């Protein structure tokens, strides 16, 4: 038992690339470590792309299975997460075209820090900015934004995951951030106007003619 725990702890210290190398050599524990390390991130990403809980679970299982069976095909020029997410997106797309019952509502996990709509990263950005993004962006644009700011993937990796040209990713991220800036400024302005009207209302009532 002690030796197993020590082995597991030592695997957790390895990089994804080192774990992949061990898994390719037949180390199932190494692949299991990769699964445990990334399954929550993969789950959250798939939740951004569908409201069907069954599809999320099926896509995750198929993606993990195919990643294990096709591990020899993994190219180290890509991050392991990029390769895994690419497989999962393809699986999710195939599931969307299958006949089946009505979708089951999916309860989203708590969002991580919201993406910054300015050039620099703002750790104090409100959590509900992701909710605004999900409301105003189409699913592909939202997925690109999540991969960039939620998963910290570079543009070329996002292009691979979504099956889009790299220039599409760059333009989409620019437009998405611009739209979020516009939406948040508009919301802030409307909120400020609402507060101003609320403050001025008592004074208007006090000076209204005919009131004693």
C-alpha atoms as a PDB file:
ATOM      1  CA  UNK A   1       0.000   0.000   0.000  1.00  0.00           C
ATOM      2  CA  UNK A   2       2.777   2.440   0.958  1.00  0.00           C
ATOM      3  CA  UNK A   3       4.722   1.713  -2.218  1.00  0.00           C
ATOM      4  CA  UNK A   4       1.585   2.265  -4.335  1.00  0.00           C
ATOM      5  CA  UNK A   5       0.971   5.649  -2.707  1.00  0.00           C
ATOM      6  CA  UNK A   6       4.594   6.625  -3.229  1.00  0.00           C
ATOM      7  CA  UNK A   7       4.409   5.611  -6.884  1.00  0.00           C
ATOM      8  CA  UNK A   8       1.204   7.607  -7.373  1.00  0.00           C
ATOM      9  CA  UNK A   9       2.739  10.673  -5.740  1.00  0.00           C
ATOM     10  CA  UNK A  10       5.818  10.452  -7.931  1.00  0.00           C
ATOM     11  CA  UNK A  11       3.666  10.255 -11.073  1.00  0.00           C
ATOM     12  CA  UNK A  12       1.810  13.405 -10.077  1.00  0.00           C
ATOM     13  CA  UNK A  13       5.077  15.301 -10.187  1.00  0.00           C
ATOM     14  CA  UNK A  14       5.688  14.388 -13.832  1.00  0.00           C
ATOM     15  CA  UNK A  15       4.722  16.585 -16.768  1.00  0.00           C
ATOM     16  CA  UNK A  16       2.071  15.517 -19.260  1.00  0.00           C
ATOM     17  CA  UNK A  17       4.761  14.686 -21.798  1.00  0.00           C
ATOM     18  CA  UNK A  18       6.587  12.449 -19.325  1.00  0.00           C
ATOM     19  CA  UNK A  19       3.372  10.689 -18.388  1.00  0.00           C
ATOM     20  CA  UNK A  20       2.546  10.133 -22.057  1.00  0.00           C
ATOM     21  CA  UNK A  21       5.977   8.581 -22.614  1.00  0.00           C
ATOM     22  CA  UNK A  22       5.422   6.181 -19.725  1.00  0.00           C
ATOM     23  CA  UNK A  23       1.916   5.372 -20.905  1.00  0.00           C
ATOM     24  CA  UNK A  24       3.215   4.607 -24.398  1.00  0.00           C
ATOM     25  CA  UNK A  25       5.627   2.176 -22.808  1.00  0.00           C
ATOM     26  CA  UNK A  26       2.713   0.341 -21.202  1.00  0.00           C
ATOM     27  CA  UNK A  27       2.335   2.223 -17.958  1.00  0.00           C
ATOM     28  CA  UNK A  28      -1.390   2.241 -17.253  1.00  0.00           C
ATOM     29  CA  UNK A  29      -0.852   4.117 -14.005  1.00  0.00           C
ATOM     30  CA  UNK A  30       0.693   6.948 -15.999  1.00  0.00           C
ATOM     31  CA  UNK A  31      -2.357   7.203 -18.260  1.00  0.00           C
ATOM     32  CA  UNK A  32      -4.677   7.020 -15.260  1.00  0.00           C
ATOM     33  CA  UNK A  33      -2.769   9.957 -13.805  1.00  0.00           C
ATOM     34  CA  UNK A  34      -3.385  11.910 -17.026  1.00  0.00           C
ATOM     35  CA  UNK A  35      -7.093  11.118 -16.806  1.00  0.00           C
ATOM     36  CA  UNK A  36      -7.342  12.264 -13.190  1.00  0.00           C
ATOM     37  CA  UNK A  37      -5.369  15.411 -13.992  1.00  0.00           C
ATOM     38  CA  UNK A  38      -7.522  16.536 -16.913  1.00  0.00           C
ATOM     39  CA  UNK A  39     -10.970  14.952 -16.594  1.00  0.00           C
ATOM     40  CA  UNK A  40     -12.460  17.899 -14.699  1.00  0.00           C
ATOM     41  CA  UNK A  41     -11.115  20.403 -17.221  1.00  0.00           C
ATOM     42  CA  UNK A  42     -12.473  18.308 -20.065  1.00  0.00           C
ATOM     43  CA  UNK A  43     -15.847  18.022 -18.352  1.00  0.00           C
ATOM     44  CA  UNK A  44     -16.114  21.779 -17.865  1.00  0.00           C
ATOM     45  CA  UNK A  45     -15.148  22.426 -21.475  1.00  0.00           C
ATOM     46  CA  UNK A  46     -17.753  19.997 -22.821  1.00  0.00           C
ATOM     47  CA  UNK A  47     -20.373  21.587 -20.569  1.00  0.00           C
ATOM     48  CA  UNK A  48     -19.724  24.847 -22.423  1.00  0.00           C
ATOM     49  CA  UNK A  49     -20.659  23.172 -25.697  1.00  0.00           C
ATOM     50  CA  UNK A  50     -23.867  21.301 -24.859  1.00  0.00           C
ATOM     51  CA  UNK A  51     -26.700  21.260 -22.329  1.00  0.00           C
ATOM     52  CA  UNK A  52     -27.115  17.489 -22.666  1.00  0.00           C
ATOM     53  CA  UNK A  53     -25.632  15.741 -19.640  1.00  0.00           C
ATOM     54  CA  UNK A  54     -25.686  12.342 -21.347  1.00  0.00           C
ATOM     55  CA  UNK A  55     -23.692  13.659 -24.313  1.00  0.00           C
ATOM     56  CA  UNK A  56     -21.075  15.128 -21.996  1.00  0.00           C
ATOM     57  CA  UNK A  57     -20.607  11.824 -20.192  1.00  0.00           C
ATOM     58  CA  UNK A  58     -20.529   9.800 -23.415  1.00  0.00           C
ATOM     59  CA  UNK A  59     -18.105  12.183 -25.127  1.00  0.00           C
ATOM     60  CA  UNK A  60     -15.785  12.084 -22.127  1.00  0.00           C
ATOM     61  CA  UNK A  61     -15.749   8.299 -21.967  1.00  0.00           C
ATOM     62  CA  UNK A  62     -15.185   7.907 -25.703  1.00  0.00           C
ATOM     63  CA  UNK A  63     -12.486  10.575 -25.736  1.00  0.00           C
ATOM     64  CA  UNK A  64     -10.566   8.941 -22.884  1.00  0.00           C
ATOM     65  CA  UNK A  65     -10.887   5.498 -24.478  1.00  0.00           C
ATOM     66  CA  UNK A  66      -9.749   6.694 -27.902  1.00  0.00           C
ATOM     67  CA  UNK A  67      -6.900   8.684 -26.388  1.00  0.00           C
ATOM     68  CA  UNK A  68      -5.654   5.514 -24.694  1.00  0.00           C
ATOM     69  CA  UNK A  69      -6.066   3.316 -27.774  1.00  0.00           C
ATOM     70  CA  UNK A  70      -4.455   5.895 -30.101  1.00  0.00           C
ATOM     71  CA  UNK A  71      -1.760   7.082 -27.726  1.00  0.00           C
ATOM     72  CA  UNK A  72       0.932   5.995 -30.178  1.00  0.00           C
ATOM     73  CA  UNK A  73      -0.427   8.598 -32.619  1.00  0.00           C
ATOM     74  CA  UNK A  74      -0.007  11.468 -30.182  1.00  0.00           C
ATOM     75  CA  UNK A  75       2.314  14.148 -31.566  1.00  0.00           C
ATOM     76  CA  UNK A  76       4.293  15.955 -28.876  1.00  0.00           C
ATOM     77  CA  UNK A  77       4.262  19.199 -30.867  1.00  0.00           C
ATOM     78  CA  UNK A  78       0.801  19.674 -29.378  1.00  0.00           C
ATOM     79  CA  UNK A  79      -0.123  19.869 -25.724  1.00  0.00           C
ATOM     80  CA  UNK A  80      -1.743  16.680 -24.474  1.00  0.00           C
ATOM     81  CA  UNK A  81      -4.830  18.695 -23.485  1.00  0.00           C
ATOM     82  CA  UNK A  82      -5.097  20.057 -27.033  1.00  0.00           C
ATOM     83  CA  UNK A  83      -5.031  16.531 -28.449  1.00  0.00           C
ATOM     84  CA  UNK A  84      -7.527  15.262 -25.857  1.00  0.00           C
ATOM     85  CA  UNK A  85      -9.912  18.183 -26.334  1.00  0.00           C
ATOM     86  CA  UNK A  86      -9.775  17.709 -30.117  1.00  0.00           C
ATOM     87  CA  UNK A  87     -10.852  14.080 -29.764  1.00  0.00           C
ATOM     88  CA  UNK A  88     -13.620  15.060 -27.328  1.00  0.00           C
ATOM     89  CA  UNK A  89     -15.010  17.779 -29.625  1.00  0.00           C
ATOM     90  CA  UNK A  90     -15.203  15.306 -32.509  1.00  0.00           C
ATOM     91  CA  UNK A  91     -16.990  12.807 -30.297  1.00  0.00           C
ATOM     92  CA  UNK A  92     -19.446  15.433 -29.105  1.00  0.00           C
ATOM     93  CA  UNK A  93     -20.213  16.498 -32.664  1.00  0.00           C
ATOM     94  CA  UNK A  94     -20.908  12.912 -33.686  1.00  0.00           C
ATOM     95  CA  UNK A  95     -23.232  12.456 -30.702  1.00  0.00           C
ATOM     96  CA  UNK A  96     -25.256  15.505 -31.703  1.00  0.00           C
ATOM     97  CA  UNK A  97     -26.225  13.821 -34.974  1.00  0.00           C
ATOM     98  CA  UNK A  98     -27.456  10.607 -33.414  1.00  0.00           C
ATOM     99  CA  UNK A  99     -31.202  10.082 -32.895  1.00  0.00           C
ATOM    100  CA  UNK A 100     -32.242   9.973 -29.289  1.00  0.00           C
ATOM    101  CA  UNK A 101     -34.555  11.258 -26.538  1.00  0.00           C
ATOM    102  CA  UNK A 102     -34.864  14.864 -25.472  1.00  0.00           C
ATOM    103  CA  UNK A 103     -31.805  16.369 -23.832  1.00  0.00           C
ATOM    104  CA  UNK A 104     -31.348  16.271 -20.091  1.00  0.00           C
ATOM    105  CA  UNK A 105     -30.584  19.618 -18.483  1.00  0.00           C
ATOM    106  CA  UNK A 106     -27.012  19.908 -17.282  1.00  0.00           C
ATOM    107  CA  UNK A 107     -26.086  21.728 -14.107  1.00  0.00           C
ATOM    108  CA  UNK A 108     -22.925  23.728 -14.803  1.00  0.00           C
ATOM    109  CA  UNK A 109     -20.010  23.575 -12.436  1.00  0.00           C
ATOM    110  CA  UNK A 110     -18.949  26.855 -10.830  1.00  0.00           C
ATOM    111  CA  UNK A 111     -17.095  28.951 -13.348  1.00  0.00           C
ATOM    112  CA  UNK A 112     -13.403  29.705 -12.892  1.00  0.00           C
ATOM    113  CA  UNK A 113     -12.112  33.270 -13.129  1.00  0.00           C
ATOM    114  CA  UNK A 114     -13.812  35.142 -15.950  1.00  0.00           C
ATOM    115  CA  UNK A 115     -11.904  36.006 -19.116  1.00  0.00           C
ATOM    116  CA  UNK A 116     -10.519  39.507 -19.241  1.00  0.00           C
ATOM    117  CA  UNK A 117     -11.940  41.732 -21.942  1.00  0.00           C
ATOM    118  CA  UNK A 118      -8.939  44.047 -21.751  1.00  0.00           C
ATOM    119  CA  UNK A 119      -5.402  43.247 -23.045  1.00  0.00           C
ATOM    120  CA  UNK A 120      -4.046  42.434 -19.558  1.00  0.00           C
ATOM    121  CA  UNK A 121      -5.313  39.750 -17.178  1.00  0.00           C
ATOM    122  CA  UNK A 122      -7.587  40.982 -14.406  1.00  0.00           C
ATOM    123  CA  UNK A 123      -7.833  38.457 -11.538  1.00  0.00           C
ATOM    124  CA  UNK A 124     -10.690  40.469 -10.013  1.00  0.00           C
ATOM    125  CA  UNK A 125     -12.992  40.172 -13.048  1.00  0.00           C
ATOM    126  CA  UNK A 126     -16.549  39.228 -11.969  1.00  0.00           C
ATOM    127  CA  UNK A 127     -17.501  35.557 -12.115  1.00  0.00           C
ATOM    128  CA  UNK A 128     -20.700  36.325 -14.039  1.00  0.00           C
ATOM    129  CA  UNK A 129     -18.709  37.628 -17.020  1.00  0.00           C
ATOM    130  CA  UNK A 130     -18.699  34.061 -18.327  1.00  0.00           C
ATOM    131  CA  UNK A 131     -22.494  34.085 -18.094  1.00  0.00           C
ATOM    132  CA  UNK A 132     -22.610  37.310 -20.111  1.00  0.00           C
ATOM    133  CA  UNK A 133     -20.281  35.776 -22.683  1.00  0.00           C
ATOM    134  CA  UNK A 134     -22.459  32.685 -22.971  1.00  0.00           C
ATOM    135  CA  UNK A 135     -25.505  34.876 -23.518  1.00  0.00           C
ATOM    136  CA  UNK A 136     -24.097  37.215 -26.190  1.00  0.00           C
ATOM    137  CA  UNK A 137     -21.737  34.902 -28.098  1.00  0.00           C
ATOM    138  CA  UNK A 138     -22.586  31.999 -30.378  1.00  0.00           C
ATOM    139  CA  UNK A 139     -21.366  28.558 -29.196  1.00  0.00           C
ATOM    140  CA  UNK A 140     -18.255  28.431 -31.419  1.00  0.00           C
ATOM    141  CA  UNK A 141     -17.120  31.902 -30.382  1.00  0.00           C
ATOM    142  CA  UNK A 142     -17.777  31.111 -26.741  1.00  0.00           C
ATOM    143  CA  UNK A 143     -15.792  27.874 -27.007  1.00  0.00           C
ATOM    144  CA  UNK A 144     -12.851  29.758 -28.536  1.00  0.00           C
ATOM    145  CA  UNK A 145     -12.967  32.321 -25.736  1.00  0.00           C
ATOM    146  CA  UNK A 146     -13.119  29.594 -23.079  1.00  0.00           C
ATOM    147  CA  UNK A 147     -10.174  27.694 -24.546  1.00  0.00           C
ATOM    148  CA  UNK A 148      -8.092  30.870 -24.639  1.00  0.00           C
ATOM    149  CA  UNK A 149      -8.873  32.359 -21.231  1.00  0.00           C
ATOM    150  CA  UNK A 150     -10.324  29.415 -19.338  1.00  0.00           C
ATOM    151  CA  UNK A 151      -7.773  26.827 -20.503  1.00  0.00           C
ATOM    152  CA  UNK A 152      -4.941  29.188 -21.511  1.00  0.00           C
ATOM    153  CA  UNK A 153      -4.467  27.513 -24.893  1.00  0.00           C
ATOM    154  CA  UNK A 154      -2.630  29.410 -27.657  1.00  0.00           C
ATOM    155  CA  UNK A 155      -4.405  30.288 -30.892  1.00  0.00           C
ATOM    156  CA  UNK A 156      -2.892  27.425 -32.894  1.00  0.00           C
ATOM    157  CA  UNK A 157      -4.120  24.873 -30.329  1.00  0.00           C
ATOM    158  CA  UNK A 158      -7.587  26.411 -30.302  1.00  0.00           C
ATOM    159  CA  UNK A 159      -7.645  26.165 -34.091  1.00  0.00           C
ATOM    160  CA  UNK A 160      -6.816  22.451 -33.865  1.00  0.00           C
ATOM    161  CA  UNK A 161      -9.430  21.716 -31.195  1.00  0.00           C
ATOM    162  CA  UNK A 162     -12.230  23.512 -33.039  1.00  0.00           C
ATOM    163  CA  UNK A 163     -11.111  22.512 -36.532  1.00  0.00           C
ATOM    164  CA  UNK A 164     -10.837  26.139 -37.654  1.00  0.00           C
ATOM    165  CA  UNK A 165      -8.119  28.188 -39.401  1.00  0.00           C
ATOM    166  CA  UNK A 166      -5.800  30.049 -37.051  1.00  0.00           C
ATOM    167  CA  UNK A 167      -6.831  33.411 -38.525  1.00  0.00           C
ATOM    168  CA  UNK A 168     -10.459  32.586 -37.661  1.00  0.00           C
ATOM    169  CA  UNK A 169      -9.423  32.078 -34.037  1.00  0.00           C
ATOM    170  CA  UNK A 170      -7.570  35.400 -33.877  1.00  0.00           C
ATOM    171  CA  UNK A 171     -10.424  37.358 -35.464  1.00  0.00           C
ATOM    172  CA  UNK A 172     -13.036  35.585 -33.321  1.00  0.00           C
ATOM    173  CA  UNK A 173     -11.203  36.305 -30.066  1.00  0.00           C
ATOM    174  CA  UNK A 174     -10.783  39.967 -31.028  1.00  0.00           C
ATOM    175  CA  UNK A 175     -14.465  40.356 -31.898  1.00  0.00           C
ATOM    176  CA  UNK A 176     -15.633  38.422 -28.842  1.00  0.00           C
ATOM    177  CA  UNK A 177     -13.590  40.597 -26.483  1.00  0.00           C
ATOM    178  CA  UNK A 178     -14.826  43.749 -28.224  1.00  0.00           C
ATOM    179  CA  UNK A 179     -18.431  42.610 -27.861  1.00  0.00           C
ATOM    180  CA  UNK A 180     -17.906  41.808 -24.188  1.00  0.00           C
ATOM    181  CA  UNK A 181     -16.361  45.241 -23.586  1.00  0.00           C
ATOM    182  CA  UNK A 182     -19.337  46.882 -25.265  1.00  0.00           C
ATOM    183  CA  UNK A 183     -21.863  44.749 -23.368  1.00  0.00           C
ATOM    184  CA  UNK A 184     -20.279  45.258 -19.938  1.00  0.00           C
ATOM    185  CA  UNK A 185     -19.934  49.022 -20.468  1.00  0.00           C
ATOM    186  CA  UNK A 186     -23.568  49.233 -21.541  1.00  0.00           C
ATOM    187  CA  UNK A 187     -24.671  47.216 -18.509  1.00  0.00           C
ATOM    188  CA  UNK A 188     -22.591  49.414 -16.193  1.00  0.00           C
ATOM    189  CA  UNK A 189     -24.069  52.554 -17.763  1.00  0.00           C
ATOM    190  CA  UNK A 190     -27.631  51.273 -17.403  1.00  0.00           C
ATOM    191  CA  UNK A 191     -26.956  50.279 -13.801  1.00  0.00           C
ATOM    192  CA  UNK A 192     -25.525  53.732 -13.046  1.00  0.00           C
ATOM    193  CA  UNK A 193     -28.523  55.476 -14.607  1.00  0.00           C
ATOM    194  CA  UNK A 194     -30.870  53.293 -12.597  1.00  0.00           C
ATOM    195  CA  UNK A 195     -29.105  54.220  -9.341  1.00  0.00           C
ATOM    196  CA  UNK A 196     -29.186  57.911 -10.258  1.00  0.00           C
ATOM    197  CA  UNK A 197     -32.932  57.789 -10.870  1.00  0.00           C
ATOM    198  CA  UNK A 198     -33.409  56.010  -7.560  1.00  0.00           C
ATOM    199  CA  UNK A 199     -31.486  58.707  -5.656  1.00  0.00           C
ATOM    200  CA  UNK A 200     -33.288  61.603  -7.316  1.00  0.00           C
ATOM    201  CA  UNK A 201     -36.763  60.186  -6.718  1.00  0.00           C
ATOM    202  CA  UNK A 202     -37.027  61.138  -2.973  1.00  0.00           C
ATOM    203  CA  UNK A 203     -36.072  64.765  -3.721  1.00  0.00           C
ATOM    204  CA  UNK A 204     -38.704  64.940  -6.435  1.00  0.00           C
ATOM    205  CA  UNK A 205     -41.308  63.644  -4.006  1.00  0.00           C
ATOM    206  CA  UNK A 206     -40.352  66.223  -1.363  1.00  0.00           C
ATOM    207  CA  UNK A 207     -40.703  69.190  -3.773  1.00  0.00           C
ATOM    208  CA  UNK A 208     -43.787  67.968  -5.596  1.00  0.00           C
ATOM    209  CA  UNK A 209     -46.546  70.632  -5.602  1.00  0.00           C
ATOM    210  CA  UNK A 210     -49.590  70.016  -3.474  1.00  0.00           C
ATOM    211  CA  UNK A 211     -47.776  67.844  -0.934  1.00  0.00           C
ATOM    212  CA  UNK A 212     -47.816  69.121   2.634  1.00  0.00           C
END
